[in-house]
Amino acid sequence: MKNIFEITSIVLYFIVGLVCLRMSFKLLSSDKFLPFHEKAAGKPWDALEEPIRYVIVTLLRISGLGFLVVALMLLTFPLANLVFKDSFITFSLPVISSIFCVGLFAFNYSLYEKTNTRTPWKGSIIAIIILVVSFILSII
């Protein structure tokens, strides 16, 4: 049986992975921007010109693909590492997913600062903390 630290690490990676998966579905199926985007823009979705709406939906779906890739990595790599015990997976998983989450934090916090709109930047910090803790537990 694997040690409790390794199992806890996998569970924590899964939690962040499931949140990313949820966000990917939300963004990939989106037909308009999110409520906090609308508030930050200072205009309702219907007030935007149609070409701008297409651009925004395209960017949201590209973001959704990013969330999907990170989600799939967080939901599969920890299990692969449990079986194959590969140091590349052990180190690349938290690094790559943290790069994504740090970017989410930076962009959402910047939007918050510039527009005084409530954005999900705090969730990104929580995800980063969980990823760091998961990594530490996986190397104990």
N, C-alpha and C. Protein backbone atom coordinates (compact mmCIF):
# COMPACT_ATOMS: atom_id res chain seq x y z
N MET A 1 0.83 -1.19 0.00
CA MET A 1 0.00 0.00 0.00
C MET A 1 0.88 1.25 0.00
N LYS A 2 0.47 2.21 -0.79
CA LYS A 2 1.20 3.47 -0.88
C LYS A 2 1.01 4.26 0.40
N ASN A 3 1.95 5.12 0.68
CA ASN A 3 1.84 5.87 1.93
C ASN A 3 0.75 6.95 1.86
N ILE A 4 0.33 7.41 3.00
CA ILE A 4 -0.77 8.36 3.11
C ILE A 4 -0.44 9.69 2.44
N PHE A 5 0.83 10.07 2.44
CA PHE A 5 1.22 11.33 1.81
C PHE A 5 1.00 11.28 0.30
N GLU A 6 1.36 10.16 -0.29
CA GLU A 6 1.21 10.01 -1.73
C GLU A 6 -0.27 9.99 -2.13
N ILE A 7 -1.09 9.29 -1.38
CA ILE A 7 -2.53 9.24 -1.66
C ILE A 7 -3.16 10.61 -1.48
N THR A 8 -2.78 11.32 -0.41
CA THR A 8 -3.30 12.67 -0.18
C THR A 8 -2.89 13.60 -1.32
N SER A 9 -1.67 13.47 -1.78
CA SER A 9 -1.19 14.26 -2.91
C SER A 9 -2.05 14.04 -4.15
N ILE A 10 -2.34 12.79 -4.43
CA ILE A 10 -3.18 12.46 -5.59
C ILE A 10 -4.57 13.07 -5.44
N VAL A 11 -5.15 12.95 -4.26
CA VAL A 11 -6.49 13.51 -4.03
C VAL A 11 -6.48 15.03 -4.23
N LEU A 12 -5.46 15.70 -3.74
CA LEU A 12 -5.37 17.15 -3.90
C LEU A 12 -5.21 17.54 -5.37
N TYR A 13 -4.36 16.81 -6.09
CA TYR A 13 -4.25 17.07 -7.54
C TYR A 13 -5.60 16.88 -8.22
N PHE A 14 -6.32 15.85 -7.82
CA PHE A 14 -7.63 15.58 -8.41
C PHE A 14 -8.62 16.72 -8.14
N ILE A 15 -8.56 17.28 -6.95
CA ILE A 15 -9.47 18.38 -6.62
C ILE A 15 -9.25 19.55 -7.58
N VAL A 16 -8.01 19.95 -7.75
CA VAL A 16 -7.70 21.05 -8.68
C VAL A 16 -8.07 20.63 -10.11
N GLY A 17 -7.79 19.38 -10.45
CA GLY A 17 -8.14 18.88 -11.79
C GLY A 17 -9.63 18.93 -12.06
N LEU A 18 -10.43 18.57 -11.07
CA LEU A 18 -11.89 18.60 -11.25
C LEU A 18 -12.41 20.03 -11.39
N VAL A 19 -11.83 20.96 -10.65
CA VAL A 19 -12.21 22.37 -10.80
C VAL A 19 -11.85 22.85 -12.20
N CYS A 20 -10.67 22.49 -12.67
CA CYS A 20 -10.26 22.86 -14.03
C CYS A 20 -11.17 22.23 -15.08
N LEU A 21 -11.57 20.99 -14.85
CA LEU A 21 -12.47 20.32 -15.78
C LEU A 21 -13.82 21.03 -15.85
N ARG A 22 -14.33 21.41 -14.69
CA ARG A 22 -15.59 22.15 -14.63
C ARG A 22 -15.48 23.47 -15.39
N MET A 23 -14.38 24.19 -15.17
CA MET A 23 -14.17 25.46 -15.88
C MET A 23 -14.03 25.24 -17.38
N SER A 24 -13.38 24.16 -17.77
CA SER A 24 -13.22 23.90 -19.20
C SER A 24 -14.57 23.69 -19.87
N PHE A 25 -15.46 22.92 -19.23
CA PHE A 25 -16.78 22.71 -19.80
C PHE A 25 -17.56 24.02 -19.86
N LYS A 26 -17.44 24.81 -18.82
CA LYS A 26 -18.15 26.09 -18.77
C LYS A 26 -17.68 27.01 -19.90
N LEU A 27 -16.38 27.08 -20.10
CA LEU A 27 -15.83 27.98 -21.11
C LEU A 27 -16.01 27.43 -22.53
N LEU A 28 -15.84 26.13 -22.70
CA LEU A 28 -15.99 25.55 -24.03
C LEU A 28 -17.43 25.62 -24.54
N SER A 29 -18.37 25.61 -23.63
CA SER A 29 -19.78 25.66 -24.04
C SER A 29 -20.37 27.07 -23.97
N SER A 30 -19.53 28.04 -23.65
CA SER A 30 -20.00 29.40 -23.46
C SER A 30 -20.41 30.04 -24.78
N ASP A 31 -21.50 30.77 -24.72
CA ASP A 31 -21.92 31.53 -25.90
C ASP A 31 -21.88 33.03 -25.63
N LYS A 32 -21.38 33.40 -24.46
CA LYS A 32 -21.12 34.80 -24.11
C LYS A 32 -20.16 34.84 -22.95
N PHE A 33 -19.63 36.04 -22.67
CA PHE A 33 -18.66 36.07 -21.60
C PHE A 33 -19.31 35.93 -20.23
N LEU A 34 -18.46 35.66 -19.24
CA LEU A 34 -18.92 35.39 -17.89
C LEU A 34 -19.43 36.67 -17.23
N PRO A 35 -20.27 36.55 -16.22
CA PRO A 35 -20.83 37.74 -15.57
C PRO A 35 -19.78 38.76 -15.09
N PHE A 36 -18.66 38.28 -14.54
CA PHE A 36 -17.66 39.25 -14.09
C PHE A 36 -16.98 39.94 -15.27
N HIS A 37 -16.90 39.27 -16.43
CA HIS A 37 -16.37 39.91 -17.63
C HIS A 37 -17.30 41.04 -18.07
N GLU A 38 -18.60 40.76 -18.02
CA GLU A 38 -19.58 41.76 -18.42
C GLU A 38 -19.49 43.00 -17.52
N LYS A 39 -19.37 42.76 -16.23
CA LYS A 39 -19.25 43.88 -15.29
C LYS A 39 -17.97 44.65 -15.55
N ALA A 40 -16.87 43.94 -15.78
CA ALA A 40 -15.59 44.61 -16.04
C ALA A 40 -15.65 45.42 -17.34
N ALA A 41 -16.35 44.91 -18.33
CA ALA A 41 -16.48 45.61 -19.60
C ALA A 41 -17.36 46.85 -19.49
N GLY A 42 -18.24 46.85 -18.50
CA GLY A 42 -19.13 47.99 -18.32
C GLY A 42 -20.23 48.06 -19.35
N LYS A 43 -20.43 46.97 -20.05
CA LYS A 43 -21.48 46.89 -21.08
C LYS A 43 -22.13 45.52 -21.02
N PRO A 44 -23.41 45.47 -21.26
CA PRO A 44 -24.04 44.15 -21.38
C PRO A 44 -23.59 43.48 -22.68
N TRP A 45 -23.65 42.17 -22.68
CA TRP A 45 -23.24 41.38 -23.84
C TRP A 45 -23.92 41.85 -25.12
N ASP A 46 -25.20 42.11 -25.05
CA ASP A 46 -25.97 42.51 -26.25
C ASP A 46 -25.54 43.86 -26.80
N ALA A 47 -24.86 44.69 -26.00
CA ALA A 47 -24.42 46.00 -26.47
C ALA A 47 -23.13 45.93 -27.29
N LEU A 48 -22.48 44.79 -27.26
CA LEU A 48 -21.24 44.63 -28.02
C LEU A 48 -21.55 44.32 -29.48
N GLU A 49 -20.68 44.78 -30.36
CA GLU A 49 -20.85 44.49 -31.79
C GLU A 49 -20.63 42.99 -32.03
N GLU A 50 -21.32 42.47 -33.01
CA GLU A 50 -21.26 41.03 -33.27
C GLU A 50 -19.85 40.50 -33.52
N PRO A 51 -19.00 41.18 -34.33
CA PRO A 51 -17.63 40.67 -34.51
C PRO A 51 -16.84 40.60 -33.19
N ILE A 52 -17.03 41.58 -32.32
CA ILE A 52 -16.35 41.56 -31.02
C ILE A 52 -16.84 40.38 -30.20
N ARG A 53 -18.13 40.09 -30.26
CA ARG A 53 -18.68 38.94 -29.51
C ARG A 53 -18.06 37.64 -30.01
N TYR A 54 -17.87 37.51 -31.33
CA TYR A 54 -17.24 36.30 -31.88
C TYR A 54 -15.81 36.16 -31.35
N VAL A 55 -15.08 37.27 -31.32
CA VAL A 55 -13.70 37.25 -30.83
C VAL A 55 -13.69 36.81 -29.36
N ILE A 56 -14.56 37.39 -28.56
CA ILE A 56 -14.61 37.06 -27.13
C ILE A 56 -14.95 35.59 -26.91
N VAL A 57 -15.94 35.09 -27.62
CA VAL A 57 -16.32 33.68 -27.47
C VAL A 57 -15.17 32.78 -27.91
N THR A 58 -14.48 33.15 -28.96
CA THR A 58 -13.33 32.37 -29.41
C THR A 58 -12.24 32.34 -28.33
N LEU A 59 -11.95 33.49 -27.73
CA LEU A 59 -10.94 33.54 -26.67
C LEU A 59 -11.38 32.75 -25.44
N LEU A 60 -12.66 32.79 -25.12
CA LEU A 60 -13.16 32.00 -23.99
C LEU A 60 -12.98 30.51 -24.26
N ARG A 61 -13.26 30.10 -25.48
CA ARG A 61 -13.12 28.68 -25.81
C ARG A 61 -11.66 28.24 -25.84
N ILE A 62 -10.77 29.13 -26.27
CA ILE A 62 -9.34 28.83 -26.21
C ILE A 62 -8.92 28.67 -24.75
N SER A 63 -9.43 29.55 -23.87
CA SER A 63 -9.17 29.41 -22.44
C SER A 63 -9.70 28.08 -21.92
N GLY A 64 -10.87 27.70 -22.41
CA GLY A 64 -11.46 26.43 -22.02
C GLY A 64 -10.57 25.25 -22.40
N LEU A 65 -9.93 25.35 -23.55
CA LEU A 65 -8.99 24.28 -23.95
C LEU A 65 -7.80 24.23 -23.00
N GLY A 66 -7.32 25.39 -22.59
CA GLY A 66 -6.22 25.42 -21.61
C GLY A 66 -6.62 24.75 -20.31
N PHE A 67 -7.82 25.07 -19.83
CA PHE A 67 -8.32 24.42 -18.61
C PHE A 67 -8.46 22.92 -18.82
N LEU A 68 -8.90 22.51 -20.00
CA LEU A 68 -9.08 21.08 -20.28
C LEU A 68 -7.74 20.35 -20.26
N VAL A 69 -6.74 20.93 -20.87
CA VAL A 69 -5.41 20.29 -20.90
C VAL A 69 -4.86 20.14 -19.48
N VAL A 70 -4.96 21.20 -18.69
CA VAL A 70 -4.47 21.14 -17.31
C VAL A 70 -5.29 20.12 -16.51
N ALA A 71 -6.60 20.11 -16.72
CA ALA A 71 -7.47 19.16 -16.01
C ALA A 71 -7.07 17.72 -16.34
N LEU A 72 -6.90 17.43 -17.62
CA LEU A 72 -6.53 16.07 -18.01
C LEU A 72 -5.18 15.67 -17.43
N MET A 73 -4.26 16.61 -17.40
CA MET A 73 -2.95 16.32 -16.83
C MET A 73 -3.08 16.03 -15.33
N LEU A 74 -3.86 16.85 -14.61
CA LEU A 74 -3.99 16.67 -13.16
C LEU A 74 -4.80 15.43 -12.80
N LEU A 75 -5.62 14.96 -13.72
CA LEU A 75 -6.44 13.78 -13.43
C LEU A 75 -5.79 12.48 -13.88
N THR A 76 -4.75 12.56 -14.73
CA THR A 76 -4.12 11.33 -15.21
C THR A 76 -2.68 11.14 -14.73
N PHE A 77 -1.88 12.21 -14.73
CA PHE A 77 -0.47 12.08 -14.36
C PHE A 77 -0.24 11.55 -12.96
N PRO A 78 -1.02 11.98 -11.95
CA PRO A 78 -0.77 11.43 -10.61
C PRO A 78 -0.97 9.91 -10.56
N LEU A 79 -1.96 9.41 -11.29
CA LEU A 79 -2.17 7.96 -11.32
C LEU A 79 -1.04 7.26 -12.06
N ALA A 80 -0.60 7.86 -13.16
CA ALA A 80 0.53 7.29 -13.90
C ALA A 80 1.78 7.26 -13.02
N ASN A 81 1.97 8.31 -12.24
CA ASN A 81 3.13 8.36 -11.36
C ASN A 81 3.03 7.34 -10.24
N LEU A 82 1.83 7.03 -9.83
CA LEU A 82 1.62 6.00 -8.80
C LEU A 82 2.09 4.64 -9.31
N VAL A 83 1.85 4.39 -10.59
CA VAL A 83 2.22 3.11 -11.20
C VAL A 83 3.68 3.08 -11.64
N PHE A 84 4.13 4.14 -12.33
CA PHE A 84 5.46 4.13 -12.94
C PHE A 84 6.54 4.82 -12.13
N LYS A 85 6.16 5.62 -11.15
CA LYS A 85 7.09 6.34 -10.28
C LYS A 85 8.19 7.02 -11.10
N ASP A 86 7.78 8.02 -11.84
CA ASP A 86 8.68 8.73 -12.74
C ASP A 86 8.98 10.13 -12.19
N SER A 87 10.24 10.48 -12.05
CA SER A 87 10.59 11.78 -11.48
C SER A 87 10.19 12.93 -12.40
N PHE A 88 10.16 12.68 -13.71
CA PHE A 88 9.71 13.73 -14.64
C PHE A 88 8.26 14.11 -14.33
N ILE A 89 7.42 13.13 -14.12
CA ILE A 89 6.02 13.41 -13.78
C ILE A 89 5.94 14.11 -12.42
N THR A 90 6.68 13.62 -11.46
CA THR A 90 6.66 14.19 -10.11
C THR A 90 6.95 15.68 -10.13
N PHE A 91 7.92 16.10 -10.94
CA PHE A 91 8.32 17.50 -10.96
C PHE A 91 7.57 18.33 -12.02
N SER A 92 7.26 17.76 -13.16
CA SER A 92 6.61 18.54 -14.22
C SER A 92 5.14 18.84 -13.91
N LEU A 93 4.47 17.92 -13.23
CA LEU A 93 3.06 18.12 -12.92
C LEU A 93 2.82 19.40 -12.12
N PRO A 94 3.47 19.61 -10.99
CA PRO A 94 3.22 20.85 -10.26
C PRO A 94 3.76 22.09 -10.97
N VAL A 95 4.85 21.95 -11.70
CA VAL A 95 5.43 23.11 -12.38
C VAL A 95 4.50 23.59 -13.49
N ILE A 96 4.08 22.70 -14.35
CA ILE A 96 3.23 23.09 -15.48
C ILE A 96 1.88 23.60 -15.00
N SER A 97 1.26 22.90 -14.06
CA SER A 97 -0.04 23.34 -13.58
C SER A 97 0.06 24.63 -12.78
N SER A 98 1.17 24.83 -12.07
CA SER A 98 1.36 26.08 -11.33
C SER A 98 1.58 27.26 -12.28
N ILE A 99 2.28 27.04 -13.37
CA ILE A 99 2.45 28.09 -14.38
C ILE A 99 1.07 28.55 -14.86
N PHE A 100 0.21 27.61 -15.14
CA PHE A 100 -1.15 27.93 -15.58
C PHE A 100 -1.89 28.72 -14.50
N CYS A 101 -1.83 28.25 -13.26
CA CYS A 101 -2.56 28.91 -12.17
C CYS A 101 -1.98 30.27 -11.82
N VAL A 102 -0.66 30.41 -11.90
CA VAL A 102 -0.04 31.72 -11.66
C VAL A 102 -0.49 32.70 -12.75
N GLY A 103 -0.56 32.23 -13.98
CA GLY A 103 -1.08 33.08 -15.06
C GLY A 103 -2.52 33.48 -14.83
N LEU A 104 -3.34 32.52 -14.40
CA LEU A 104 -4.74 32.84 -14.09
C LEU A 104 -4.81 33.91 -13.00
N PHE A 105 -4.01 33.72 -11.97
CA PHE A 105 -3.98 34.71 -10.89
C PHE A 105 -3.59 36.08 -11.42
N ALA A 106 -2.49 36.15 -12.16
CA ALA A 106 -1.98 37.44 -12.63
C ALA A 106 -3.01 38.16 -13.51
N PHE A 107 -3.61 37.43 -14.43
CA PHE A 107 -4.57 38.07 -15.35
C PHE A 107 -5.85 38.47 -14.64
N ASN A 108 -6.35 37.59 -13.78
CA ASN A 108 -7.58 37.93 -13.06
C ASN A 108 -7.36 39.03 -12.03
N TYR A 109 -6.21 39.04 -11.39
CA TYR A 109 -5.93 40.10 -10.43
C TYR A 109 -5.76 41.43 -11.15
N SER A 110 -5.11 41.41 -12.29
CA SER A 110 -4.95 42.63 -13.09
C SER A 110 -6.32 43.19 -13.50
N LEU A 111 -7.20 42.31 -13.93
CA LEU A 111 -8.55 42.75 -14.31
C LEU A 111 -9.28 43.32 -13.10
N TYR A 112 -9.11 42.69 -11.96
CA TYR A 112 -9.70 43.18 -10.71
C TYR A 112 -9.19 44.58 -10.38
N GLU A 113 -7.88 44.77 -10.46
CA GLU A 113 -7.29 46.07 -10.13
C GLU A 113 -7.74 47.17 -11.09
N LYS A 114 -7.79 46.84 -12.38
CA LYS A 114 -8.10 47.86 -13.39
C LYS A 114 -9.59 48.21 -13.45
N THR A 115 -10.45 47.27 -13.07
CA THR A 115 -11.89 47.51 -13.23
C THR A 115 -12.66 47.49 -11.92
N ASN A 116 -11.98 47.12 -10.83
CA ASN A 116 -12.62 46.98 -9.53
C ASN A 116 -13.81 46.01 -9.59
N THR A 117 -13.66 45.00 -10.42
CA THR A 117 -14.67 43.96 -10.58
C THR A 117 -14.20 42.71 -9.84
N ARG A 118 -15.11 42.09 -9.15
CA ARG A 118 -14.78 40.86 -8.42
C ARG A 118 -14.46 39.75 -9.42
N THR A 119 -13.20 39.32 -9.44
CA THR A 119 -12.76 38.25 -10.33
C THR A 119 -12.30 37.07 -9.47
N PRO A 120 -12.14 35.89 -10.08
CA PRO A 120 -11.76 34.70 -9.29
C PRO A 120 -10.27 34.57 -9.01
N TRP A 121 -9.58 35.67 -8.75
CA TRP A 121 -8.15 35.59 -8.49
C TRP A 121 -7.82 34.84 -7.21
N LYS A 122 -8.68 34.91 -6.22
CA LYS A 122 -8.41 34.20 -4.95
C LYS A 122 -8.43 32.68 -5.16
N GLY A 123 -9.30 32.21 -6.05
CA GLY A 123 -9.35 30.78 -6.35
C GLY A 123 -8.05 30.29 -6.95
N SER A 124 -7.40 31.14 -7.74
CA SER A 124 -6.11 30.77 -8.33
C SER A 124 -5.05 30.61 -7.25
N ILE A 125 -5.07 31.48 -6.26
CA ILE A 125 -4.10 31.37 -5.16
C ILE A 125 -4.33 30.07 -4.38
N ILE A 126 -5.58 29.74 -4.14
CA ILE A 126 -5.90 28.49 -3.45
C ILE A 126 -5.39 27.30 -4.25
N ALA A 127 -5.60 27.34 -5.57
CA ALA A 127 -5.12 26.25 -6.43
C ALA A 127 -3.60 26.13 -6.37
N ILE A 128 -2.90 27.26 -6.39
CA ILE A 128 -1.43 27.25 -6.31
C ILE A 128 -0.98 26.63 -4.99
N ILE A 129 -1.62 27.02 -3.90
CA ILE A 129 -1.27 26.46 -2.59
C ILE A 129 -1.50 24.95 -2.57
N ILE A 130 -2.63 24.51 -3.10
CA ILE A 130 -2.93 23.07 -3.15
C ILE A 130 -1.88 22.34 -3.99
N LEU A 131 -1.49 22.93 -5.11
CA LEU A 131 -0.49 22.29 -5.97
C LEU A 131 0.86 22.18 -5.26
N VAL A 132 1.25 23.22 -4.53
CA VAL A 132 2.52 23.19 -3.80
C VAL A 132 2.46 22.12 -2.70
N VAL A 133 1.37 22.09 -1.96
CA VAL A 133 1.21 21.08 -0.92
C VAL A 133 1.22 19.67 -1.53
N SER A 134 0.53 19.50 -2.66
CA SER A 134 0.51 18.20 -3.34
C SER A 134 1.91 17.76 -3.73
N PHE A 135 2.68 18.70 -4.26
CA PHE A 135 4.05 18.38 -4.66
C PHE A 135 4.88 17.97 -3.45
N ILE A 136 4.79 18.74 -2.37
CA ILE A 136 5.56 18.42 -1.17
C ILE A 136 5.20 17.02 -0.66
N LEU A 137 3.90 16.74 -0.62
CA LEU A 137 3.46 15.42 -0.16
C LEU A 137 3.93 14.30 -1.08
N SER A 138 4.01 14.58 -2.37
CA SER A 138 4.42 13.54 -3.32
C SER A 138 5.90 13.20 -3.25
N ILE A 139 6.71 14.10 -2.67
CA ILE A 139 8.15 13.80 -2.58
C ILE A 139 8.58 13.37 -1.19
N ILE A 140 7.64 13.37 -0.24
CA ILE A 140 7.98 12.91 1.12
C ILE A 140 8.17 11.39 1.11
